[in-house]
Amino acid sequence: MSGSRLYLTLGVTIAAVAFGGWRMLLPGTDAVSSGASNDVSSLLATTLSATFTGAEASLDAQRNATGSYAGATVEPPVTLVRADASSYCLQVSQGPVLQHVAGPGGSPQPGPC
């Protein structure tokens, strides 16, 4: 009985060492995971930026027509938090990401207006 235990222990030890050595030789999977996370964040930021661009075009049309950003409407998921004669603040919330643009001429920033 003790002989089979010895072989089992020896086999498990060799497998663990082989697996550990194999993991050390491969490029880090943490870098792959981090790269994928960065790619997703970049894609989300690009999508949000495009969403803000459409809303800003609506606000510019309102200002050209009336001389003020006040009273402009925007399509969801964009929210017009504030607007007056010379400035506005747009906000978008998609999942856990909340960004805003203080305009005119602002760029997307993290957090609320």
Protein backbone atom coordinates (compact mmCIF):
# COMPACT_ATOMS: atom_id res chain seq x y z
CA MET A 1 0.00 0.00 0.00
CA SER A 2 2.81 2.40 0.82
CA GLY A 3 4.42 1.75 -2.58
CA SER A 4 1.30 2.95 -4.42
CA ARG A 5 1.19 6.04 -2.20
CA LEU A 6 4.78 6.77 -3.05
CA TYR A 7 4.09 6.50 -6.77
CA LEU A 8 0.97 8.66 -6.44
CA THR A 9 2.84 11.34 -4.51
CA LEU A 10 5.74 11.20 -6.94
CA GLY A 11 3.38 11.41 -9.93
CA VAL A 12 1.48 14.40 -8.51
CA THR A 13 4.77 16.16 -7.67
CA ILE A 14 6.16 15.64 -11.18
CA ALA A 15 2.89 16.86 -12.72
CA ALA A 16 2.92 19.99 -10.52
CA VAL A 17 6.54 20.79 -11.37
CA ALA A 18 5.92 20.19 -15.08
CA PHE A 19 2.83 22.40 -15.06
CA GLY A 20 4.63 25.14 -13.10
CA GLY A 21 7.60 25.04 -15.47
CA TRP A 22 5.31 25.15 -18.47
CA ARG A 23 3.52 28.23 -17.06
CA MET A 24 6.87 29.96 -16.50
CA LEU A 25 7.93 29.38 -20.11
CA LEU A 26 4.74 30.76 -21.64
CA PRO A 27 4.16 34.50 -21.97
CA GLY A 28 2.09 35.75 -19.07
CA THR A 29 -1.60 35.22 -19.46
CA ASP A 30 -2.05 38.21 -17.15
CA ALA A 31 -0.75 40.41 -19.97
CA VAL A 32 -3.28 38.86 -22.35
CA SER A 33 -6.09 39.45 -19.88
CA SER A 34 -4.93 43.01 -19.25
CA GLY A 35 -4.65 43.66 -23.00
CA ALA A 36 -8.17 42.40 -23.58
CA SER A 37 -9.45 44.59 -20.77
CA ASN A 38 -7.69 47.61 -22.29
CA ASP A 39 -9.17 46.79 -25.70
CA VAL A 40 -12.67 46.65 -24.24
CA SER A 41 -12.13 49.95 -22.41
CA SER A 42 -10.86 51.57 -25.59
CA LEU A 43 -13.83 50.31 -27.58
CA LEU A 44 -16.25 51.59 -24.95
CA ALA A 45 -14.52 55.00 -24.87
CA THR A 46 -14.74 55.26 -28.67
CA THR A 47 -18.44 54.37 -28.59
CA LEU A 48 -19.13 56.96 -25.90
CA SER A 49 -17.19 59.59 -27.82
CA ALA A 50 -19.31 58.94 -30.92
CA THR A 51 -22.46 59.18 -28.80
CA PHE A 52 -21.36 62.57 -27.47
CA THR A 53 -20.53 63.78 -30.99
CA GLY A 54 -24.11 63.17 -32.16
CA ALA A 55 -25.56 64.97 -29.14
CA GLU A 56 -23.16 67.90 -29.58
CA ALA A 57 -24.31 68.26 -33.20
CA SER A 58 -27.91 68.57 -31.96
CA LEU A 59 -26.87 71.20 -29.44
CA ASP A 60 -24.95 73.17 -32.08
CA ALA A 61 -28.02 73.12 -34.34
CA GLN A 62 -30.12 74.44 -31.42
CA ARG A 63 -27.64 77.24 -30.77
CA ASN A 64 -27.49 78.18 -34.45
CA ALA A 65 -31.29 78.31 -34.63
CA THR A 66 -32.01 80.07 -31.33
CA GLY A 67 -28.77 81.61 -30.09
CA SER A 68 -28.77 79.36 -27.00
CA TYR A 69 -28.19 75.76 -26.01
CA ALA A 70 -31.16 75.97 -23.62
CA GLY A 71 -34.18 73.97 -24.70
CA ALA A 72 -32.20 71.51 -26.82
CA THR A 73 -33.17 67.86 -26.81
CA VAL A 74 -30.84 64.89 -27.01
CA GLU A 75 -31.49 61.21 -27.62
CA PRO A 76 -30.91 58.52 -24.98
CA PRO A 77 -28.52 57.33 -23.62
CA VAL A 78 -27.27 60.93 -23.50
CA THR A 79 -28.69 63.21 -20.81
CA LEU A 80 -28.54 66.99 -21.06
CA VAL A 81 -27.74 67.90 -17.45
CA ARG A 82 -27.57 71.66 -17.97
CA ALA A 83 -27.69 74.12 -20.84
CA ASP A 84 -27.70 77.91 -21.07
CA ALA A 85 -26.88 80.55 -23.67
CA SER A 86 -23.18 79.75 -23.83
CA SER A 87 -22.49 76.30 -22.37
CA TYR A 88 -23.85 72.84 -21.64
CA CYS A 89 -23.00 69.57 -19.93
CA LEU A 90 -23.89 66.19 -21.40
CA GLN A 91 -23.72 62.93 -19.49
CA VAL A 92 -23.78 59.27 -20.58
CA SER A 93 -24.05 56.23 -18.35
CA GLN A 94 -23.46 52.83 -19.90
CA GLY A 95 -23.21 50.07 -17.33
CA PRO A 96 -20.64 51.03 -14.73
CA VAL A 97 -19.15 53.74 -16.97
CA LEU A 98 -20.28 57.33 -16.37
CA GLN A 99 -18.79 60.09 -18.49
CA HIS A 100 -19.60 63.71 -19.26
CA VAL A 101 -18.68 66.47 -21.69
CA ALA A 102 -18.69 70.13 -20.64
CA GLY A 103 -19.10 72.09 -23.83
CA PRO A 104 -18.74 73.52 -26.23
CA GLY A 105 -15.36 72.14 -27.14
CA GLY A 106 -14.95 69.70 -24.25
CA SER A 107 -13.83 66.12 -24.42
CA PRO A 108 -15.30 63.10 -22.62
CA GLN A 109 -14.24 62.96 -18.98
CA PRO A 110 -14.97 60.33 -16.33
CA GLY A 111 -17.68 61.00 -13.76
CA PRO A 112 -20.82 63.10 -13.64
CA CYS A 113 -21.26 66.73 -14.74
